[in-house]
Amino acid sequence: MSVLALQSRGPLAALTHRLGQMAAAIGTALVRMGETHPLMTSLRKLNEISDEELAERGLDRNAELHRIVRRYAYV
């Protein structure tokens, strides 16, 4: 919807539209921050490794998960 169409509906519609765009941009930025956090990066890497590969390395998925998460939370 164009700004011109919103302005023809009134200033309140244009303001709420702009606030909605700002909220969406903030939400997108927060999601990007969460996805690039080292915890999520580590969990993503662990998820890409199969159980067979972990067993070959002598590792257990639950133990690795605990090792990764304990840096950020008490578990």
PDB file of N, CA and C in Angstrom:
ATOM      1  N   MET A   1       0.853  -1.160   0.000  1.00  0.00           N
ATOM      2  CA  MET A   1       0.000   0.000   0.000  1.00  0.00           C
ATOM      3  C   MET A   1       0.905   1.230   0.000  1.00  0.00           C
ATOM      4  N   SER A   2       0.596   2.152  -0.847  1.00  0.00           N
ATOM      5  CA  SER A   2       1.447   3.338  -0.956  1.00  0.00           C
ATOM      6  C   SER A   2       1.142   4.330   0.156  1.00  0.00           C
ATOM      7  N   VAL A   3       2.117   5.187   0.402  1.00  0.00           N
ATOM      8  CA  VAL A   3       1.945   6.212   1.433  1.00  0.00           C
ATOM      9  C   VAL A   3       0.842   7.166   1.022  1.00  0.00           C
ATOM     10  N   LEU A   4       0.723   7.440  -0.283  1.00  0.00           N
ATOM     11  CA  LEU A   4      -0.322   8.334  -0.770  1.00  0.00           C
ATOM     12  C   LEU A   4      -1.705   7.773  -0.443  1.00  0.00           C
ATOM     13  N   ALA A   5      -1.885   6.476  -0.627  1.00  0.00           N
ATOM     14  CA  ALA A   5      -3.166   5.842  -0.302  1.00  0.00           C
ATOM     15  C   ALA A   5      -3.427   5.909   1.194  1.00  0.00           C
ATOM     16  N   LEU A   6      -2.394   5.740   1.998  1.00  0.00           N
ATOM     17  CA  LEU A   6      -2.564   5.820   3.442  1.00  0.00           C
ATOM     18  C   LEU A   6      -2.902   7.235   3.879  1.00  0.00           C
ATOM     19  N   GLN A   7      -2.279   8.224   3.254  1.00  0.00           N
ATOM     20  CA  GLN A   7      -2.551   9.609   3.630  1.00  0.00           C
ATOM     21  C   GLN A   7      -3.968  10.003   3.274  1.00  0.00           C
ATOM     22  N   SER A   8      -4.516   9.392   2.214  1.00  0.00           N
ATOM     23  CA  SER A   8      -5.897   9.706   1.857  1.00  0.00           C
ATOM     24  C   SER A   8      -6.870   9.130   2.881  1.00  0.00           C
ATOM     25  N   ARG A   9      -6.447   8.121   3.640  1.00  0.00           N
ATOM     26  CA  ARG A   9      -7.295   7.556   4.693  1.00  0.00           C
ATOM     27  C   ARG A   9      -7.181   8.341   5.979  1.00  0.00           C
ATOM     28  N   GLY A  10      -6.155   9.118   6.112  1.00  0.00           N
ATOM     29  CA  GLY A  10      -5.989   9.939   7.299  1.00  0.00           C
ATOM     30  C   GLY A  10      -4.618   9.756   7.910  1.00  0.00           C
ATOM     31  N   PRO A  11      -4.246  10.729   8.712  1.00  0.00           N
ATOM     32  CA  PRO A  11      -2.911  10.684   9.301  1.00  0.00           C
ATOM     33  C   PRO A  11      -2.734   9.529  10.289  1.00  0.00           C
ATOM     34  N   LEU A  12      -3.805   9.118  10.937  1.00  0.00           N
ATOM     35  CA  LEU A  12      -3.700   8.019  11.902  1.00  0.00           C
ATOM     36  C   LEU A  12      -3.350   6.709  11.207  1.00  0.00           C
ATOM     37  N   ALA A  13      -3.927   6.477  10.037  1.00  0.00           N
ATOM     38  CA  ALA A  13      -3.621   5.255   9.283  1.00  0.00           C
ATOM     39  C   ALA A  13      -2.170   5.261   8.830  1.00  0.00           C
ATOM     40  N   ALA A  14      -1.689   6.407   8.396  1.00  0.00           N
ATOM     41  CA  ALA A  14      -0.290   6.503   7.969  1.00  0.00           C
ATOM     42  C   ALA A  14       0.647   6.284   9.152  1.00  0.00           C
ATOM     43  N   LEU A  15       0.293   6.832  10.303  1.00  0.00           N
ATOM     44  CA  LEU A  15       1.124   6.676  11.497  1.00  0.00           C
ATOM     45  C   LEU A  15       1.164   5.218  11.956  1.00  0.00           C
ATOM     46  N   THR A  16       0.020   4.572  11.996  1.00  0.00           N
ATOM     47  CA  THR A  16      -0.001   3.175  12.436  1.00  0.00           C
ATOM     48  C   THR A  16       0.727   2.277  11.441  1.00  0.00           C
ATOM     49  N   HIS A  17       0.637   2.613  10.159  1.00  0.00           N
ATOM     50  CA  HIS A  17       1.373   1.846   9.154  1.00  0.00           C
ATOM     51  C   HIS A  17       2.873   1.996   9.371  1.00  0.00           C
ATOM     52  N   ARG A  18       3.326   3.212   9.602  1.00  0.00           N
ATOM     53  CA  ARG A  18       4.754   3.468   9.816  1.00  0.00           C
ATOM     54  C   ARG A  18       5.230   2.791  11.106  1.00  0.00           C
ATOM     55  N   LEU A  19       4.419   2.835  12.161  1.00  0.00           N
ATOM     56  CA  LEU A  19       4.790   2.155  13.406  1.00  0.00           C
ATOM     57  C   LEU A  19       4.876   0.643  13.206  1.00  0.00           C
ATOM     58  N   GLY A  20       3.988   0.111  12.408  1.00  0.00           N
ATOM     59  CA  GLY A  20       4.031  -1.312  12.102  1.00  0.00           C
ATOM     60  C   GLY A  20       5.292  -1.684  11.344  1.00  0.00           C
ATOM     61  N   GLN A  21       5.700  -0.827  10.404  1.00  0.00           N
ATOM     62  CA  GLN A  21       6.946  -1.076   9.673  1.00  0.00           C
ATOM     63  C   GLN A  21       8.149  -1.038  10.609  1.00  0.00           C
ATOM     64  N   MET A  22       8.143  -0.089  11.530  1.00  0.00           N
ATOM     65  CA  MET A  22       9.243   0.023  12.484  1.00  0.00           C
ATOM     66  C   MET A  22       9.299  -1.202  13.400  1.00  0.00           C
ATOM     67  N   ALA A  23       8.151  -1.658  13.870  1.00  0.00           N
ATOM     68  CA  ALA A  23       8.099  -2.838  14.736  1.00  0.00           C
ATOM     69  C   ALA A  23       8.586  -4.076  13.982  1.00  0.00           C
ATOM     70  N   ALA A  24       8.208  -4.193  12.719  1.00  0.00           N
ATOM     71  CA  ALA A  24       8.661  -5.329  11.913  1.00  0.00           C
ATOM     72  C   ALA A  24      10.173  -5.290  11.719  1.00  0.00           C
ATOM     73  N   ALA A  25      10.724  -4.103  11.500  1.00  0.00           N
ATOM     74  CA  ALA A  25      12.176  -3.971  11.325  1.00  0.00           C
ATOM     75  C   ALA A  25      12.912  -4.326  12.617  1.00  0.00           C
ATOM     76  N   ILE A  26      12.385  -3.898  13.744  1.00  0.00           N
ATOM     77  CA  ILE A  26      12.999  -4.229  15.035  1.00  0.00           C
ATOM     78  C   ILE A  26      12.933  -5.738  15.267  1.00  0.00           C
ATOM     79  N   GLY A  27      11.807  -6.337  14.973  1.00  0.00           N
ATOM     80  CA  GLY A  27      11.657  -7.779  15.125  1.00  0.00           C
ATOM     81  C   GLY A  27      12.626  -8.547  14.243  1.00  0.00           C
ATOM     82  N   THR A  28      12.791  -8.109  13.005  1.00  0.00           N
ATOM     83  CA  THR A  28      13.732  -8.747  12.094  1.00  0.00           C
ATOM     84  C   THR A  28      15.154  -8.650  12.630  1.00  0.00           C
ATOM     85  N   ALA A  29      15.513  -7.479  13.155  1.00  0.00           N
ATOM     86  CA  ALA A  29      16.858  -7.295  13.710  1.00  0.00           C
ATOM     87  C   ALA A  29      17.086  -8.208  14.916  1.00  0.00           C
ATOM     88  N   LEU A  30      16.085  -8.347  15.774  1.00  0.00           N
ATOM     89  CA  LEU A  30      16.217  -9.223  16.943  1.00  0.00           C
ATOM     90  C   LEU A  30      16.377 -10.683  16.533  1.00  0.00           C
ATOM     91  N   VAL A  31      15.648 -11.113  15.519  1.00  0.00           N
ATOM     92  CA  VAL A  31      15.769 -12.484  15.035  1.00  0.00           C
ATOM     93  C   VAL A  31      17.165 -12.718  14.474  1.00  0.00           C
ATOM     94  N   ARG A  32      17.677 -11.761  13.693  1.00  0.00           N
ATOM     95  CA  ARG A  32      19.035 -11.897  13.146  1.00  0.00           C
ATOM     96  C   ARG A  32      20.072 -11.976  14.257  1.00  0.00           C
ATOM     97  N   MET A  33      19.895 -11.152  15.290  1.00  0.00           N
ATOM     98  CA  MET A  33      20.829 -11.190  16.411  1.00  0.00           C
ATOM     99  C   MET A  33      20.807 -12.557  17.088  1.00  0.00           C
ATOM    100  N   GLY A  34      19.620 -13.105  17.275  1.00  0.00           N
ATOM    101  CA  GLY A  34      19.500 -14.415  17.905  1.00  0.00           C
ATOM    102  C   GLY A  34      20.104 -15.518  17.056  1.00  0.00           C
ATOM    103  N   GLU A  35      19.913 -15.443  15.742  1.00  0.00           N
ATOM    104  CA  GLU A  35      20.423 -16.484  14.859  1.00  0.00           C
ATOM    105  C   GLU A  35      21.942 -16.457  14.747  1.00  0.00           C
ATOM    106  N   THR A  36      22.551 -15.301  14.948  1.00  0.00           N
ATOM    107  CA  THR A  36      24.009 -15.207  14.825  1.00  0.00           C
ATOM    108  C   THR A  36      24.716 -15.333  16.167  1.00  0.00           C
ATOM    109  N   HIS A  37      23.970 -15.524  17.225  1.00  0.00           N
ATOM    110  CA  HIS A  37      24.562 -15.690  18.553  1.00  0.00           C
ATOM    111  C   HIS A  37      25.406 -16.967  18.557  1.00  0.00           C
ATOM    112  N   PRO A  38      26.551 -16.955  19.252  1.00  0.00           N
ATOM    113  CA  PRO A  38      27.417 -18.136  19.280  1.00  0.00           C
ATOM    114  C   PRO A  38      26.715 -19.410  19.752  1.00  0.00           C
ATOM    115  N   LEU A  39      25.765 -19.288  20.671  1.00  0.00           N
ATOM    116  CA  LEU A  39      25.027 -20.467  21.133  1.00  0.00           C
ATOM    117  C   LEU A  39      24.277 -21.110  19.974  1.00  0.00           C
ATOM    118  N   MET A  40      23.576 -20.296  19.205  1.00  0.00           N
ATOM    119  CA  MET A  40      22.805 -20.838  18.086  1.00  0.00           C
ATOM    120  C   MET A  40      23.719 -21.400  17.009  1.00  0.00           C
ATOM    121  N   THR A  41      24.855 -20.757  16.787  1.00  0.00           N
ATOM    122  CA  THR A  41      25.816 -21.266  15.816  1.00  0.00           C
ATOM    123  C   THR A  41      26.318 -22.640  16.235  1.00  0.00           C
ATOM    124  N   SER A  42      26.651 -22.796  17.509  1.00  0.00           N
ATOM    125  CA  SER A  42      27.120 -24.087  18.014  1.00  0.00           C
ATOM    126  C   SER A  42      26.038 -25.154  17.927  1.00  0.00           C
ATOM    127  N   LEU A  43      24.813 -24.792  18.279  1.00  0.00           N
ATOM    128  CA  LEU A  43      23.710 -25.757  18.208  1.00  0.00           C
ATOM    129  C   LEU A  43      23.424 -26.159  16.766  1.00  0.00           C
ATOM    130  N   ARG A  44      23.533 -25.217  15.856  1.00  0.00           N
ATOM    131  CA  ARG A  44      23.310 -25.527  14.452  1.00  0.00           C
ATOM    132  C   ARG A  44      24.377 -26.509  13.948  1.00  0.00           C
ATOM    133  N   LYS A  45      25.636 -26.278  14.337  1.00  0.00           N
ATOM    134  CA  LYS A  45      26.713 -27.198  13.937  1.00  0.00           C
ATOM    135  C   LYS A  45      26.494 -28.590  14.513  1.00  0.00           C
ATOM    136  N   LEU A  46      26.089 -28.665  15.781  1.00  0.00           N
ATOM    137  CA  LEU A  46      25.815 -29.957  16.398  1.00  0.00           C
ATOM    138  C   LEU A  46      24.677 -30.668  15.682  1.00  0.00           C
ATOM    139  N   ASN A  47      23.666 -29.931  15.288  1.00  0.00           N
ATOM    140  CA  ASN A  47      22.515 -30.514  14.612  1.00  0.00           C
ATOM    141  C   ASN A  47      22.888 -31.076  13.240  1.00  0.00           C
ATOM    142  N   GLU A  48      23.929 -30.514  12.624  1.00  0.00           N
ATOM    143  CA  GLU A  48      24.336 -30.984  11.298  1.00  0.00           C
ATOM    144  C   GLU A  48      25.134 -32.287  11.361  1.00  0.00           C
ATOM    145  N   ILE A  49      25.607 -32.655  12.534  1.00  0.00           N
ATOM    146  CA  ILE A  49      26.400 -33.871  12.690  1.00  0.00           C
ATOM    147  C   ILE A  49      25.462 -35.033  13.011  1.00  0.00           C
ATOM    148  N   SER A  50      25.637 -36.115  12.283  1.00  0.00           N
ATOM    149  CA  SER A  50      24.776 -37.278  12.519  1.00  0.00           C
ATOM    150  C   SER A  50      25.213 -38.000  13.794  1.00  0.00           C
ATOM    151  N   ASP A  51      24.315 -38.831  14.312  1.00  0.00           N
ATOM    152  CA  ASP A  51      24.624 -39.623  15.503  1.00  0.00           C
ATOM    153  C   ASP A  51      25.782 -40.585  15.240  1.00  0.00           C
ATOM    154  N   GLU A  52      25.851 -41.099  14.017  1.00  0.00           N
ATOM    155  CA  GLU A  52      26.938 -42.016  13.664  1.00  0.00           C
ATOM    156  C   GLU A  52      28.291 -41.297  13.704  1.00  0.00           C
ATOM    157  N   GLU A  53      28.325 -40.062  13.174  1.00  0.00           N
ATOM    158  CA  GLU A  53      29.575 -39.301  13.202  1.00  0.00           C
ATOM    159  C   GLU A  53      29.991 -38.984  14.637  1.00  0.00           C
ATOM    160  N   LEU A  54      29.028 -38.647  15.464  1.00  0.00           N
ATOM    161  CA  LEU A  54      29.341 -38.379  16.866  1.00  0.00           C
ATOM    162  C   LEU A  54      29.887 -39.624  17.545  1.00  0.00           C
ATOM    163  N   ALA A  55      29.279 -40.780  17.253  1.00  0.00           N
ATOM    164  CA  ALA A  55      29.740 -42.035  17.850  1.00  0.00           C
ATOM    165  C   ALA A  55      31.164 -42.360  17.401  1.00  0.00           C
ATOM    166  N   GLU A  56      31.484 -42.073  16.133  1.00  0.00           N
ATOM    167  CA  GLU A  56      32.843 -42.303  15.638  1.00  0.00           C
ATOM    168  C   GLU A  56      33.858 -41.448  16.395  1.00  0.00           C
ATOM    169  N   ARG A  57      33.435 -40.270  16.796  1.00  0.00           N
ATOM    170  CA  ARG A  57      34.309 -39.360  17.544  1.00  0.00           C
ATOM    171  C   ARG A  57      34.305 -39.669  19.039  1.00  0.00           C
ATOM    172  N   GLY A  58      33.477 -40.616  19.440  1.00  0.00           N
ATOM    173  CA  GLY A  58      33.391 -40.970  20.850  1.00  0.00           C
ATOM    174  C   GLY A  58      32.588 -39.965  21.660  1.00  0.00           C
ATOM    175  N   LEU A  59      31.640 -39.297  21.002  1.00  0.00           N
ATOM    176  CA  LEU A  59      30.829 -38.274  21.667  1.00  0.00           C
ATOM    177  C   LEU A  59      29.374 -38.695  21.719  1.00  0.00           C
ATOM    178  N   ASP A  60      28.666 -38.121  22.676  1.00  0.00           N
ATOM    179  CA  ASP A  60      27.238 -38.368  22.846  1.00  0.00           C
ATOM    180  C   ASP A  60      26.507 -37.051  22.607  1.00  0.00           C
ATOM    181  N   ARG A  61      25.410 -37.083  21.857  1.00  0.00           N
ATOM    182  CA  ARG A  61      24.682 -35.850  21.530  1.00  0.00           C
ATOM    183  C   ARG A  61      24.234 -35.101  22.788  1.00  0.00           C
ATOM    184  N   ASN A  62      23.707 -35.828  23.763  1.00  0.00           N
ATOM    185  CA  ASN A  62      23.241 -35.168  24.989  1.00  0.00           C
ATOM    186  C   ASN A  62      24.386 -34.529  25.758  1.00  0.00           C
ATOM    187  N   ALA A  63      25.521 -35.201  25.811  1.00  0.00           N
ATOM    188  CA  ALA A  63      26.678 -34.642  26.504  1.00  0.00           C
ATOM    189  C   ALA A  63      27.188 -33.398  25.786  1.00  0.00           C
ATOM    190  N   GLU A  64      27.193 -33.443  24.459  1.00  0.00           N
ATOM    191  CA  GLU A  64      27.637 -32.281  23.693  1.00  0.00           C
ATOM    192  C   GLU A  64      26.660 -31.113  23.858  1.00  0.00           C
ATOM    193  N   LEU A  65      25.379 -31.424  23.874  1.00  0.00           N
ATOM    194  CA  LEU A  65      24.371 -30.385  24.084  1.00  0.00           C
ATOM    195  C   LEU A  65      24.561 -29.733  25.447  1.00  0.00           C
ATOM    196  N   HIS A  66      24.786 -30.550  26.450  1.00  0.00           N
ATOM    197  CA  HIS A  66      25.020 -30.032  27.797  1.00  0.00           C
ATOM    198  C   HIS A  66      26.275 -29.159  27.833  1.00  0.00           C
ATOM    199  N   ARG A  67      27.330 -29.596  27.163  1.00  0.00           N
ATOM    200  CA  ARG A  67      28.578 -28.844  27.133  1.00  0.00           C
ATOM    201  C   ARG A  67      28.390 -27.472  26.473  1.00  0.00           C
ATOM    202  N   ILE A  68      27.596 -27.434  25.412  1.00  0.00           N
ATOM    203  CA  ILE A  68      27.373 -26.173  24.694  1.00  0.00           C
ATOM    204  C   ILE A  68      26.499 -25.228  25.513  1.00  0.00           C
ATOM    205  N   VAL A  69      25.422 -25.745  26.075  1.00  0.00           N
ATOM    206  CA  VAL A  69      24.437 -24.898  26.736  1.00  0.00           C
ATOM    207  C   VAL A  69      24.893 -24.435  28.113  1.00  0.00           C
ATOM    208  N   ARG A  70      25.731 -25.207  28.785  1.00  0.00           N
ATOM    209  CA  ARG A  70      26.106 -24.853  30.160  1.00  0.00           C
ATOM    210  C   ARG A  70      26.868 -23.545  30.250  1.00  0.00           C
ATOM    211  N   ARG A  71      27.457 -23.091  29.134  1.00  0.00           N
ATOM    212  CA  ARG A  71      28.134 -21.801  29.138  1.00  0.00           C
ATOM    213  C   ARG A  71      27.148 -20.646  29.265  1.00  0.00           C
ATOM    214  N   TYR A  72      25.902 -20.882  28.867  1.00  0.00           N
ATOM    215  CA  TYR A  72      24.922 -19.813  28.827  1.00  0.00           C
ATOM    216  C   TYR A  72      23.803 -19.964  29.857  1.00  0.00           C
ATOM    217  N   ALA A  73      23.654 -21.148  30.407  1.00  0.00           N
ATOM    218  CA  ALA A  73      22.571 -21.373  31.377  1.00  0.00           C
ATOM    219  C   ALA A  73      22.955 -22.483  32.342  1.00  0.00           C
ATOM    220  N   TYR A  74      22.409 -22.438  33.517  1.00  0.00           N
ATOM    221  CA  TYR A  74      22.633 -23.500  34.481  1.00  0.00           C
ATOM    222  C   TYR A  74      21.736 -24.664  34.165  1.00  0.00           C
ATOM    223  N   VAL A  75      22.313 -25.809  33.819  1.00  0.00           N
ATOM    224  CA  VAL A  75      21.525 -27.007  33.511  1.00  0.00           C
ATOM    225  C   VAL A  75      22.062 -28.187  34.272  1.00  0.00           C
TER     226      VAL A  75
END
